[in-house]
């Protein structure tokens, strides 16, 4: 009986060995078959704009500094039309004969700021920014609200009376919250059930000469942004922020600065109209009553009057 079991096991092992041999032979035959090489298709050259000379960082690109050259393959972010690059500003030096790509150019808000303007961020909420419904590209009037200082004009304060005044008109909104001209979804809800989001920052394009007035006004009072129609061309020609009668350059005007007294229209010598009687130039000597009676008296001054009281 034991011999039969041994023979059966030996037969199974031999059968398994034969099957494994056949499987190995089939694998070797399939791997030895030649693999057909894939033909390499050369990419067709495409027109790419390259620099004819070194383009320095921070300098607008001129039309004669660009040319089109067929290139294969085209770099990522390359341009095919030189007109799209004229006036753009490199963010780093671009060597001659190198393709001009989007990653080498200044982008974002810096491209939206015009010469003579500065991008300034101001704090906003739903009460002073049209219920948070401003969009990039809108125009607003900026109003300044100032409260009278605690001492008032009695102590020659910088703000003598509570007031609200137009600070600057038709100021362009560069961004509002997360919305920029490149990321403007047409609404400011972000899925908040159709309600505007709670935006805290707006970026405005402000003329250089008016930056000092805007920053001082925000630090000293409260700004209100009033949305206006872009077709409305009425502008405030002369305000505390718009100083048109000065012959200085905008940068020089901003460097000269503006004081809170100028911003609020408070005169430097502002004093409250309080009827305070003048002090006597010389006090009258005390008069002793009763001759030589030995009584004493004291001089008492009330306001501008002087009297002698015996005691």
C-alpha atoms as a PDB file:
ATOM      1  CA  UNK A   1       0.000   0.000   0.000  1.00  0.00           C
ATOM      2  CA  UNK A   2       2.806   2.369   0.886  1.00  0.00           C
ATOM      3  CA  UNK A   3       4.511   1.601  -2.412  1.00  0.00           C
ATOM      4  CA  UNK A   4       1.399   2.604  -4.349  1.00  0.00           C
ATOM      5  CA  UNK A   5       1.174   5.945  -2.559  1.00  0.00           C
ATOM      6  CA  UNK A   6       4.814   6.628  -3.262  1.00  0.00           C
ATOM      7  CA  UNK A   7       4.333   5.862  -6.945  1.00  0.00           C
ATOM      8  CA  UNK A   8       1.317   8.184  -7.169  1.00  0.00           C
ATOM      9  CA  UNK A   9       3.200  11.080  -5.550  1.00  0.00           C
ATOM     10  CA  UNK A  10       6.180  10.539  -7.836  1.00  0.00           C
ATOM     11  CA  UNK A  11       3.919  10.557 -10.873  1.00  0.00           C
ATOM     12  CA  UNK A  12       2.298  13.835  -9.820  1.00  0.00           C
ATOM     13  CA  UNK A  13       5.666  15.471  -9.297  1.00  0.00           C
ATOM     14  CA  UNK A  14       6.825  14.351 -12.736  1.00  0.00           C
ATOM     15  CA  UNK A  15       3.652  15.723 -14.330  1.00  0.00           C
ATOM     16  CA  UNK A  16       4.084  19.077 -12.585  1.00  0.00           C
ATOM     17  CA  UNK A  17       7.702  19.271 -13.722  1.00  0.00           C
ATOM     18  CA  UNK A  18       6.676  18.585 -17.325  1.00  0.00           C
ATOM     19  CA  UNK A  19       3.997  21.295 -17.206  1.00  0.00           C
ATOM     20  CA  UNK A  20       6.436  23.829 -15.759  1.00  0.00           C
ATOM     21  CA  UNK A  21       8.939  23.021 -18.469  1.00  0.00           C
ATOM     22  CA  UNK A  22       6.349  23.541 -21.206  1.00  0.00           C
ATOM     23  CA  UNK A  23       5.307  26.888 -19.625  1.00  0.00           C
ATOM     24  CA  UNK A  24       8.932  28.075 -19.439  1.00  0.00           C
ATOM     25  CA  UNK A  25       9.509  27.123 -23.073  1.00  0.00           C
ATOM     26  CA  UNK A  26       6.440  29.128 -24.165  1.00  0.00           C
ATOM     27  CA  UNK A  27       7.572  32.203 -22.211  1.00  0.00           C
ATOM     28  CA  UNK A  28      11.026  32.069 -23.729  1.00  0.00           C
ATOM     29  CA  UNK A  29       9.620  31.805 -27.225  1.00  0.00           C
ATOM     30  CA  UNK A  30       7.280  34.810 -26.796  1.00  0.00           C
ATOM     31  CA  UNK A  31      10.042  37.064 -25.369  1.00  0.00           C
ATOM     32  CA  UNK A  32      12.400  36.232 -28.209  1.00  0.00           C
ATOM     33  CA  UNK A  33      10.014  37.585 -30.854  1.00  0.00           C
ATOM     34  CA  UNK A  34      11.332  40.907 -32.271  1.00  0.00           C
ATOM     35  CA  UNK A  35       9.613  44.080 -31.105  1.00  0.00           C
ATOM     36  CA  UNK A  36       8.792  46.475 -33.894  1.00  0.00           C
ATOM     37  CA  UNK A  37      10.239  49.924 -33.226  1.00  0.00           C
ATOM     38  CA  UNK A  38       7.777  52.785 -33.196  1.00  0.00           C
ATOM     39  CA  UNK A  39       8.575  55.299 -35.888  1.00  0.00           C
ATOM     40  CA  UNK A  40       9.642  58.679 -34.463  1.00  0.00           C
ATOM     41  CA  UNK A  41       7.655  61.445 -36.057  1.00  0.00           C
ATOM     42  CA  UNK A  42       9.500  64.729 -36.109  1.00  0.00           C
ATOM     43  CA  UNK A  43       7.353  67.634 -34.884  1.00  0.00           C
ATOM     44  CA  UNK A  44       6.743  70.364 -37.393  1.00  0.00           C
ATOM     45  CA  UNK A  45       8.408  73.683 -36.490  1.00  0.00           C
ATOM     46  CA  UNK A  46       6.002  76.342 -35.244  1.00  0.00           C
ATOM     47  CA  UNK A  47       6.491  80.126 -35.269  1.00  0.00           C
ATOM     48  CA  UNK A  48       7.798  81.375 -31.918  1.00  0.00           C
ATOM     49  CA  UNK A  49       8.645  84.942 -30.888  1.00  0.00           C
ATOM     50  CA  UNK A  50      12.260  85.319 -29.759  1.00  0.00           C
ATOM     51  CA  UNK A  51      14.307  88.282 -28.554  1.00  0.00           C
ATOM     52  CA  UNK A  52      16.654  89.927 -31.047  1.00  0.00           C
ATOM     53  CA  UNK A  53      18.645  91.443 -28.176  1.00  0.00           C
ATOM     54  CA  UNK A  54      18.782  91.185 -24.406  1.00  0.00           C
ATOM     55  CA  UNK A  55      15.523  92.355 -22.871  1.00  0.00           C
ATOM     56  CA  UNK A  56      16.346  93.957 -19.491  1.00  0.00           C
ATOM     57  CA  UNK A  57      14.118  93.411 -16.495  1.00  0.00           C
ATOM     58  CA  UNK A  58      11.632  96.186 -15.801  1.00  0.00           C
ATOM     59  CA  UNK A  59      11.863  97.783 -19.255  1.00  0.00           C
ATOM     60  CA  UNK A  60       8.894  97.654 -21.670  1.00  0.00           C
ATOM     61  CA  UNK A  61       9.565  95.483 -24.702  1.00  0.00           C
ATOM     62  CA  UNK A  62       9.912  97.366 -27.994  1.00  0.00           C
ATOM     63  CA  UNK A  63       8.645  96.028 -31.309  1.00  0.00           C
ATOM     64  CA  UNK A  64      12.117  96.005 -32.896  1.00  0.00           C
ATOM     65  CA  UNK A  65      13.419  93.751 -30.105  1.00  0.00           C
ATOM     66  CA  UNK A  66      11.276  90.827 -31.289  1.00  0.00           C
ATOM     67  CA  UNK A  67      11.197  88.516 -34.263  1.00  0.00           C
ATOM     68  CA  UNK A  68       9.528  85.269 -35.283  1.00  0.00           C
ATOM     69  CA  UNK A  69      11.602  82.123 -35.655  1.00  0.00           C
ATOM     70  CA  UNK A  70      10.354  78.581 -36.437  1.00  0.00           C
ATOM     71  CA  UNK A  71      11.106  76.369 -33.460  1.00  0.00           C
ATOM     72  CA  UNK A  72      10.499  72.703 -32.706  1.00  0.00           C
ATOM     73  CA  UNK A  73       9.245  71.917 -30.181  1.00  0.00           C
ATOM     74  CA  UNK A  74       7.695  75.170 -28.997  1.00  0.00           C
ATOM     75  CA  UNK A  75       8.471  76.060 -25.356  1.00  0.00           C
ATOM     76  CA  UNK A  76       5.626  76.160 -22.874  1.00  0.00           C
ATOM     77  CA  UNK A  77       4.084  79.627 -22.734  1.00  0.00           C
ATOM     78  CA  UNK A  78       5.655  80.801 -25.991  1.00  0.00           C
ATOM     79  CA  UNK A  79       4.029  83.489 -28.152  1.00  0.00           C
ATOM     80  CA  UNK A  80       3.452  83.437 -31.894  1.00  0.00           C
ATOM     81  CA  UNK A  81       2.440  87.094 -32.362  1.00  0.00           C
ATOM     82  CA  UNK A  82       4.975  89.843 -31.531  1.00  0.00           C
ATOM     83  CA  UNK A  83       2.164  92.402 -31.163  1.00  0.00           C
ATOM     84  CA  UNK A  84       1.005  90.597 -28.022  1.00  0.00           C
ATOM     85  CA  UNK A  85       4.365  91.307 -26.374  1.00  0.00           C
ATOM     86  CA  UNK A  86       4.958  94.948 -27.300  1.00  0.00           C
ATOM     87  CA  UNK A  87       4.818  97.011 -24.110  1.00  0.00           C
ATOM     88  CA  UNK A  88       4.959  94.006 -21.770  1.00  0.00           C
ATOM     89  CA  UNK A  89       7.587  94.109 -19.028  1.00  0.00           C
ATOM     90  CA  UNK A  90      10.078  91.278 -18.378  1.00  0.00           C
ATOM     91  CA  UNK A  91      10.247  89.981 -14.813  1.00  0.00           C
ATOM     92  CA  UNK A  92      13.857  88.924 -15.428  1.00  0.00           C
ATOM     93  CA  UNK A  93      16.499  89.497 -18.083  1.00  0.00           C
ATOM     94  CA  UNK A  94      15.706  87.619 -21.306  1.00  0.00           C
ATOM     95  CA  UNK A  95      18.872  86.827 -23.322  1.00  0.00           C
ATOM     96  CA  UNK A  96      19.048  87.437 -27.054  1.00  0.00           C
ATOM     97  CA  UNK A  97      17.829  84.622 -29.356  1.00  0.00           C
ATOM     98  CA  UNK A  98      15.788  83.127 -26.509  1.00  0.00           C
ATOM     99  CA  UNK A  99      12.020  82.569 -26.808  1.00  0.00           C
ATOM    100  CA  UNK A 100       9.904  85.040 -24.847  1.00  0.00           C
ATOM    101  CA  UNK A 101       7.571  82.997 -22.647  1.00  0.00           C
ATOM    102  CA  UNK A 102       4.746  84.042 -20.335  1.00  0.00           C
ATOM    103  CA  UNK A 103       6.632  82.964 -17.220  1.00  0.00           C
ATOM    104  CA  UNK A 104       9.361  85.530 -17.920  1.00  0.00           C
ATOM    105  CA  UNK A 105       6.937  88.490 -17.969  1.00  0.00           C
ATOM    106  CA  UNK A 106       5.403  90.600 -15.235  1.00  0.00           C
ATOM    107  CA  UNK A 107       1.811  89.527 -14.692  1.00  0.00           C
ATOM    108  CA  UNK A 108      -1.035  89.981 -12.246  1.00  0.00           C
ATOM    109  CA  UNK A 109      -2.064  93.327 -10.769  1.00  0.00           C
ATOM    110  CA  UNK A 110       1.203  94.976 -11.809  1.00  0.00           C
ATOM    111  CA  UNK A 111       0.048  94.770 -15.424  1.00  0.00           C
ATOM    112  CA  UNK A 112      -3.240  96.484 -14.565  1.00  0.00           C
ATOM    113  CA  UNK A 113      -1.623  99.465 -12.839  1.00  0.00           C
ATOM    114  CA  UNK A 114      -1.178 102.313 -15.309  1.00  0.00           C
ATOM    115  CA  UNK A 115       1.854 104.660 -15.303  1.00  0.00           C
ATOM    116  CA  UNK A 116       1.315 107.340 -12.680  1.00  0.00           C
ATOM    117  CA  UNK A 117      -0.845 105.052 -10.530  1.00  0.00           C
ATOM    118  CA  UNK A 118      -0.186 102.962  -7.459  1.00  0.00           C
ATOM    119  CA  UNK A 119      -2.112  99.929  -6.202  1.00  0.00           C
ATOM    120  CA  UNK A 120      -3.345 100.576  -2.654  1.00  0.00           C
ATOM    121  CA  UNK A 121      -5.260  98.130  -0.458  1.00  0.00           C
ATOM    122  CA  UNK A 122      -7.996  99.516   1.801  1.00  0.00           C
ATOM    123  CA  UNK A 123     -10.146  97.835   4.429  1.00  0.00           C
ATOM    124  CA  UNK A 124     -13.777  97.327   3.449  1.00  0.00           C
ATOM    125  CA  UNK A 125     -16.914  95.646   4.731  1.00  0.00           C
ATOM    126  CA  UNK A 126     -20.513  95.342   3.616  1.00  0.00           C
ATOM    127  CA  UNK A 127     -21.408  98.784   5.001  1.00  0.00           C
ATOM    128  CA  UNK A 128     -18.817 100.887   3.173  1.00  0.00           C
ATOM    129  CA  UNK A 129     -18.349  98.904  -0.063  1.00  0.00           C
ATOM    130  CA  UNK A 130     -21.836  98.781  -1.634  1.00  0.00           C
ATOM    131  CA  UNK A 131     -22.814  95.655   0.261  1.00  0.00           C
ATOM    132  CA  UNK A 132     -19.700  93.812  -0.971  1.00  0.00           C
ATOM    133  CA  UNK A 133     -20.968  93.964  -4.572  1.00  0.00           C
ATOM    134  CA  UNK A 134     -17.991  95.734  -6.114  1.00  0.00           C
ATOM    135  CA  UNK A 135     -16.174  94.015  -8.970  1.00  0.00           C
ATOM    136  CA  UNK A 136     -12.719  94.490 -10.515  1.00  0.00           C
ATOM    137  CA  UNK A 137     -12.957  97.191 -13.168  1.00  0.00           C
ATOM    138  CA  UNK A 138     -15.675  99.162 -11.354  1.00  0.00           C
ATOM    139  CA  UNK A 139     -15.198 102.864 -10.637  1.00  0.00           C
ATOM    140  CA  UNK A 140     -15.901 104.345  -7.222  1.00  0.00           C
ATOM    141  CA  UNK A 141     -15.882 107.698  -5.467  1.00  0.00           C
ATOM    142  CA  UNK A 142     -13.987 107.647  -2.167  1.00  0.00           C
ATOM    143  CA  UNK A 143     -15.567 109.589   0.689  1.00  0.00           C
ATOM    144  CA  UNK A 144     -13.818 110.306   3.980  1.00  0.00           C
ATOM    145  CA  UNK A 145     -15.666 110.436   7.301  1.00  0.00           C
ATOM    146  CA  UNK A 146     -13.909 112.134  10.224  1.00  0.00           C
ATOM    147  CA  UNK A 147     -15.124 112.540  13.791  1.00  0.00           C
ATOM    148  CA  UNK A 148     -14.323 115.571  15.916  1.00  0.00           C
ATOM    149  CA  UNK A 149     -11.538 114.923  18.355  1.00  0.00           C
ATOM    150  CA  UNK A 150     -12.325 114.795  22.056  1.00  0.00           C
ATOM    151  CA  UNK A 151     -10.859 118.202  22.839  1.00  0.00           C
ATOM    152  CA  UNK A 152     -12.423 119.849  19.801  1.00  0.00           C
ATOM    153  CA  UNK A 153     -11.121 123.179  18.609  1.00  0.00           C
ATOM    154  CA  UNK A 154     -10.828 124.388  22.218  1.00  0.00           C
ATOM    155  CA  UNK A 155      -7.480 122.612  22.415  1.00  0.00           C
ATOM    156  CA  UNK A 156      -6.425 123.266  18.828  1.00  0.00           C
ATOM    157  CA  UNK A 157      -7.254 119.710  17.709  1.00  0.00           C
ATOM    158  CA  UNK A 158      -6.490 118.499  14.205  1.00  0.00           C
ATOM    159  CA  UNK A 159     -10.172 117.700  13.531  1.00  0.00           C
ATOM    160  CA  UNK A 160     -12.382 120.542  14.768  1.00  0.00           C
ATOM    161  CA  UNK A 161     -15.743 119.156  13.637  1.00  0.00           C
ATOM    162  CA  UNK A 162     -17.316 115.892  12.530  1.00  0.00           C
ATOM    163  CA  UNK A 163     -17.491 115.823   8.742  1.00  0.00           C
ATOM    164  CA  UNK A 164     -17.770 113.759   5.565  1.00  0.00           C
ATOM    165  CA  UNK A 165     -16.219 114.889   2.319  1.00  0.00           C
ATOM    166  CA  UNK A 166     -15.317 113.612  -1.136  1.00  0.00           C
ATOM    167  CA  UNK A 167     -11.669 112.608  -1.115  1.00  0.00           C
ATOM    168  CA  UNK A 168     -11.197 111.416  -4.714  1.00  0.00           C
ATOM    169  CA  UNK A 169     -13.478 110.550  -7.607  1.00  0.00           C
ATOM    170  CA  UNK A 170     -13.638 107.824 -10.266  1.00  0.00           C
ATOM    171  CA  UNK A 171     -11.051 105.515  -8.761  1.00  0.00           C
ATOM    172  CA  UNK A 172     -10.678 102.153 -10.501  1.00  0.00           C
ATOM    173  CA  UNK A 173     -11.081  98.931  -8.507  1.00  0.00           C
ATOM    174  CA  UNK A 174      -8.229  96.523  -9.307  1.00  0.00           C
ATOM    175  CA  UNK A 175      -9.353  93.658  -7.105  1.00  0.00           C
ATOM    176  CA  UNK A 176     -12.024  92.961  -4.535  1.00  0.00           C
ATOM    177  CA  UNK A 177     -11.381  90.129  -2.133  1.00  0.00           C
ATOM    178  CA  UNK A 178     -10.120  87.173  -4.165  1.00  0.00           C
ATOM    179  CA  UNK A 179     -11.581  88.516  -7.415  1.00  0.00           C
ATOM    180  CA  UNK A 180      -9.130  89.996  -9.933  1.00  0.00           C
ATOM    181  CA  UNK A 181      -9.515  90.758 -13.652  1.00  0.00           C
ATOM    182  CA  UNK A 182      -8.014  87.312 -14.360  1.00  0.00           C
ATOM    183  CA  UNK A 183     -10.207  85.557 -11.763  1.00  0.00           C
ATOM    184  CA  UNK A 184     -13.541  87.302 -12.003  1.00  0.00           C
ATOM    185  CA  UNK A 185     -16.463  84.896 -11.931  1.00  0.00           C
ATOM    186  CA  UNK A 186     -19.005  87.664 -12.504  1.00  0.00           C
ATOM    187  CA  UNK A 187     -20.316  87.393  -8.958  1.00  0.00           C
ATOM    188  CA  UNK A 188     -18.909  87.585  -5.490  1.00  0.00           C
ATOM    189  CA  UNK A 189     -20.869  84.817  -3.825  1.00  0.00           C
ATOM    190  CA  UNK A 190     -18.544  81.775  -4.038  1.00  0.00           C
ATOM    191  CA  UNK A 191     -21.530  79.494  -3.488  1.00  0.00           C
ATOM    192  CA  UNK A 192     -22.735  81.378  -0.439  1.00  0.00           C
ATOM    193  CA  UNK A 193     -26.419  80.858  -1.336  1.00  0.00           C
ATOM    194  CA  UNK A 194     -26.309  83.839  -3.663  1.00  0.00           C
ATOM    195  CA  UNK A 195     -25.164  86.197  -0.908  1.00  0.00           C
ATOM    196  CA  UNK A 196     -21.989  88.316  -1.264  1.00  0.00           C
ATOM    197  CA  UNK A 197     -18.961  87.019   0.598  1.00  0.00           C
ATOM    198  CA  UNK A 198     -17.558  88.857   3.591  1.00  0.00           C
ATOM    199  CA  UNK A 199     -14.764  90.664   1.751  1.00  0.00           C
ATOM    200  CA  UNK A 200     -12.263  92.615   3.847  1.00  0.00           C
ATOM    201  CA  UNK A 201      -9.801  94.076   1.322  1.00  0.00           C
ATOM    202  CA  UNK A 202     -10.201  96.096  -1.880  1.00  0.00           C
ATOM    203  CA  UNK A 203      -7.270  97.203  -4.044  1.00  0.00           C
ATOM    204  CA  UNK A 204      -7.659 100.571  -5.782  1.00  0.00           C
ATOM    205  CA  UNK A 205      -5.629 102.195  -8.576  1.00  0.00           C
ATOM    206  CA  UNK A 206      -4.788 105.566  -7.023  1.00  0.00           C
ATOM    207  CA  UNK A 207      -2.855 108.449  -8.648  1.00  0.00           C
ATOM    208  CA  UNK A 208       0.557 108.767  -7.024  1.00  0.00           C
ATOM    209  CA  UNK A 209      -0.071 112.301  -5.732  1.00  0.00           C
ATOM    210  CA  UNK A 210      -3.201 111.144  -3.871  1.00  0.00           C
ATOM    211  CA  UNK A 211      -1.794 108.081  -2.112  1.00  0.00           C
ATOM    212  CA  UNK A 212      -0.774 110.069   0.975  1.00  0.00           C
ATOM    213  CA  UNK A 213      -4.262 111.521   1.433  1.00  0.00           C
ATOM    214  CA  UNK A 214      -5.905 108.104   1.033  1.00  0.00           C
ATOM    215  CA  UNK A 215      -3.644 106.323   3.509  1.00  0.00           C
ATOM    216  CA  UNK A 216      -3.919 109.142   6.061  1.00  0.00           C
ATOM    217  CA  UNK A 217      -7.688 109.247   5.665  1.00  0.00           C
ATOM    218  CA  UNK A 218      -7.998 105.503   6.256  1.00  0.00           C
ATOM    219  CA  UNK A 219      -5.762 105.662   9.318  1.00  0.00           C
ATOM    220  CA  UNK A 220      -7.581 108.671  10.829  1.00  0.00           C
ATOM    221  CA  UNK A 221     -11.198 108.114   9.811  1.00  0.00           C
ATOM    222  CA  UNK A 222     -13.428 105.834   7.802  1.00  0.00           C
ATOM    223  CA  UNK A 223     -13.547 105.456   4.029  1.00  0.00           C
ATOM    224  CA  UNK A 224     -16.736 104.850   2.060  1.00  0.00           C
ATOM    225  CA  UNK A 225     -16.631 103.560  -1.533  1.00  0.00           C
ATOM    226  CA  UNK A 226     -19.541 104.797  -3.644  1.00  0.00           C
ATOM    227  CA  UNK A 227     -20.110 102.872  -6.888  1.00  0.00           C
ATOM    228  CA  UNK A 228     -20.539 105.054  -9.989  1.00  0.00           C
ATOM    229  CA  UNK A 229     -21.482 104.541 -13.632  1.00  0.00           C
ATOM    230  CA  UNK A 230     -18.366 104.186 -15.817  1.00  0.00           C
ATOM    231  CA  UNK A 231     -19.969 106.521 -18.378  1.00  0.00           C
ATOM    232  CA  UNK A 232     -20.211 109.310 -15.800  1.00  0.00           C
ATOM    233  CA  UNK A 233     -17.240 111.586 -16.545  1.00  0.00           C
ATOM    234  CA  UNK A 234     -17.812 114.180 -13.812  1.00  0.00           C
ATOM    235  CA  UNK A 235     -14.679 114.532 -11.698  1.00  0.00           C
ATOM    236  CA  UNK A 236     -13.846 116.545  -8.606  1.00  0.00           C
ATOM    237  CA  UNK A 237     -11.215 118.954  -9.901  1.00  0.00           C
ATOM    238  CA  UNK A 238     -10.055 120.282  -6.536  1.00  0.00           C
ATOM    239  CA  UNK A 239     -10.204 118.368  -3.251  1.00  0.00           C
ATOM    240  CA  UNK A 240      -7.835 118.003  -0.334  1.00  0.00           C
ATOM    241  CA  UNK A 241      -6.409 114.970  -2.152  1.00  0.00           C
ATOM    242  CA  UNK A 242      -6.414 116.423  -5.697  1.00  0.00           C
ATOM    243  CA  UNK A 243      -3.888 119.253  -5.647  1.00  0.00           C
ATOM    244  CA  UNK A 244      -3.958 120.543  -9.213  1.00  0.00           C
ATOM    245  CA  UNK A 245      -2.528 123.992  -8.519  1.00  0.00           C
ATOM    246  CA  UNK A 246       0.827 122.626  -7.413  1.00  0.00           C
ATOM    247  CA  UNK A 247       3.689 122.586  -9.915  1.00  0.00           C
ATOM    248  CA  UNK A 248       5.467 119.673  -8.241  1.00  0.00           C
ATOM    249  CA  UNK A 249       5.568 116.242  -9.825  1.00  0.00           C
ATOM    250  CA  UNK A 250       3.159 113.599  -8.464  1.00  0.00           C
ATOM    251  CA  UNK A 251       5.970 111.807  -6.644  1.00  0.00           C
ATOM    252  CA  UNK A 252       7.199 115.090  -5.144  1.00  0.00           C
ATOM    253  CA  UNK A 253       3.676 115.916  -3.985  1.00  0.00           C
ATOM    254  CA  UNK A 254       3.377 112.519  -2.328  1.00  0.00           C
ATOM    255  CA  UNK A 255       6.769 113.024  -0.693  1.00  0.00           C
ATOM    256  CA  UNK A 256       5.703 116.452   0.611  1.00  0.00           C
ATOM    257  CA  UNK A 257       2.786 114.753   2.337  1.00  0.00           C
ATOM    258  CA  UNK A 258      -0.486 116.040   3.720  1.00  0.00           C
ATOM    259  CA  UNK A 259      -1.427 116.695   7.341  1.00  0.00           C
ATOM    260  CA  UNK A 260      -4.632 115.716   9.076  1.00  0.00           C
ATOM    261  CA  UNK A 261      -5.399 119.411   9.565  1.00  0.00           C
ATOM    262  CA  UNK A 262      -5.247 119.902   5.796  1.00  0.00           C
ATOM    263  CA  UNK A 263      -7.292 116.784   5.219  1.00  0.00           C
ATOM    264  CA  UNK A 264     -10.025 117.931   7.585  1.00  0.00           C
ATOM    265  CA  UNK A 265      -9.909 121.601   6.583  1.00  0.00           C
ATOM    266  CA  UNK A 266      -9.103 122.674  10.147  1.00  0.00           C
ATOM    267  CA  UNK A 267      -7.155 125.930  10.423  1.00  0.00           C
ATOM    268  CA  UNK A 268      -3.984 125.714  12.440  1.00  0.00           C
ATOM    269  CA  UNK A 269      -5.107 128.565  14.712  1.00  0.00           C
ATOM    270  CA  UNK A 270      -8.617 127.241  15.230  1.00  0.00           C
ATOM    271  CA  UNK A 271      -9.867 128.283  18.664  1.00  0.00           C
ATOM    272  CA  UNK A 272     -13.417 128.011  19.948  1.00  0.00           C
ATOM    273  CA  UNK A 273     -15.369 131.242  20.214  1.00  0.00           C
ATOM    274  CA  UNK A 274     -15.644 131.259  23.991  1.00  0.00           C
ATOM    275  CA  UNK A 275     -16.112 134.593  25.788  1.00  0.00           C
ATOM    276  CA  UNK A 276     -13.354 134.411  28.366  1.00  0.00           C
ATOM    277  CA  UNK A 277     -12.795 137.757  30.125  1.00  0.00           C
ATOM    278  CA  UNK A 278      -9.208 138.958  30.084  1.00  0.00           C
ATOM    279  CA  UNK A 279      -7.178 138.685  33.242  1.00  0.00           C
ATOM    280  CA  UNK A 280      -6.360 141.988  34.917  1.00  0.00           C
ATOM    281  CA  UNK A 281      -2.980 143.340  33.942  1.00  0.00           C
ATOM    282  CA  UNK A 282      -2.158 144.144  37.542  1.00  0.00           C
ATOM    283  CA  UNK A 283      -3.851 143.084  40.725  1.00  0.00           C
ATOM    284  CA  UNK A 284      -4.977 145.870  43.082  1.00  0.00           C
ATOM    285  CA  UNK A 285      -3.285 145.798  46.480  1.00  0.00           C
ATOM    286  CA  UNK A 286      -5.306 144.436  49.337  1.00  0.00           C
ATOM    287  CA  UNK A 287      -7.119 147.112  51.342  1.00  0.00           C
ATOM    288  CA  UNK A 288      -7.228 146.651  55.088  1.00  0.00           C
ATOM    289  CA  UNK A 289     -10.515 147.768  56.565  1.00  0.00           C
ATOM    290  CA  UNK A 290     -11.169 149.214  60.013  1.00  0.00           C
ATOM    291  CA  UNK A 291      -8.126 151.482  60.214  1.00  0.00           C
ATOM    292  CA  UNK A 292      -5.913 150.248  62.993  1.00  0.00           C
ATOM    293  CA  UNK A 293      -8.400 147.771  64.405  1.00  0.00           C
ATOM    294  CA  UNK A 294      -6.100 144.874  63.744  1.00  0.00           C
ATOM    295  CA  UNK A 295      -8.585 143.015  61.427  1.00  0.00           C
ATOM    296  CA  UNK A 296      -7.287 141.057  58.421  1.00  0.00           C
ATOM    297  CA  UNK A 297      -8.523 140.889  54.814  1.00  0.00           C
ATOM    298  CA  UNK A 298      -7.824 138.847  51.689  1.00  0.00           C
ATOM    299  CA  UNK A 299      -8.227 139.688  48.040  1.00  0.00           C
ATOM    300  CA  UNK A 300     -10.499 137.345  46.080  1.00  0.00           C
ATOM    301  CA  UNK A 301     -10.567 137.291  42.275  1.00  0.00           C
ATOM    302  CA  UNK A 302     -13.676 135.916  40.538  1.00  0.00           C
ATOM    303  CA  UNK A 303     -13.325 135.843  36.754  1.00  0.00           C
ATOM    304  CA  UNK A 304     -12.123 139.339  35.886  1.00  0.00           C
ATOM    305  CA  UNK A 305     -13.369 140.996  39.086  1.00  0.00           C
ATOM    306  CA  UNK A 306     -11.358 141.609  42.218  1.00  0.00           C
ATOM    307  CA  UNK A 307     -12.777 142.202  45.723  1.00  0.00           C
ATOM    308  CA  UNK A 308     -11.430 142.312  49.244  1.00  0.00           C
ATOM    309  CA  UNK A 309     -13.001 140.178  51.944  1.00  0.00           C
ATOM    310  CA  UNK A 310     -12.356 140.825  55.652  1.00  0.00           C
ATOM    311  CA  UNK A 311     -11.924 137.983  58.092  1.00  0.00           C
END
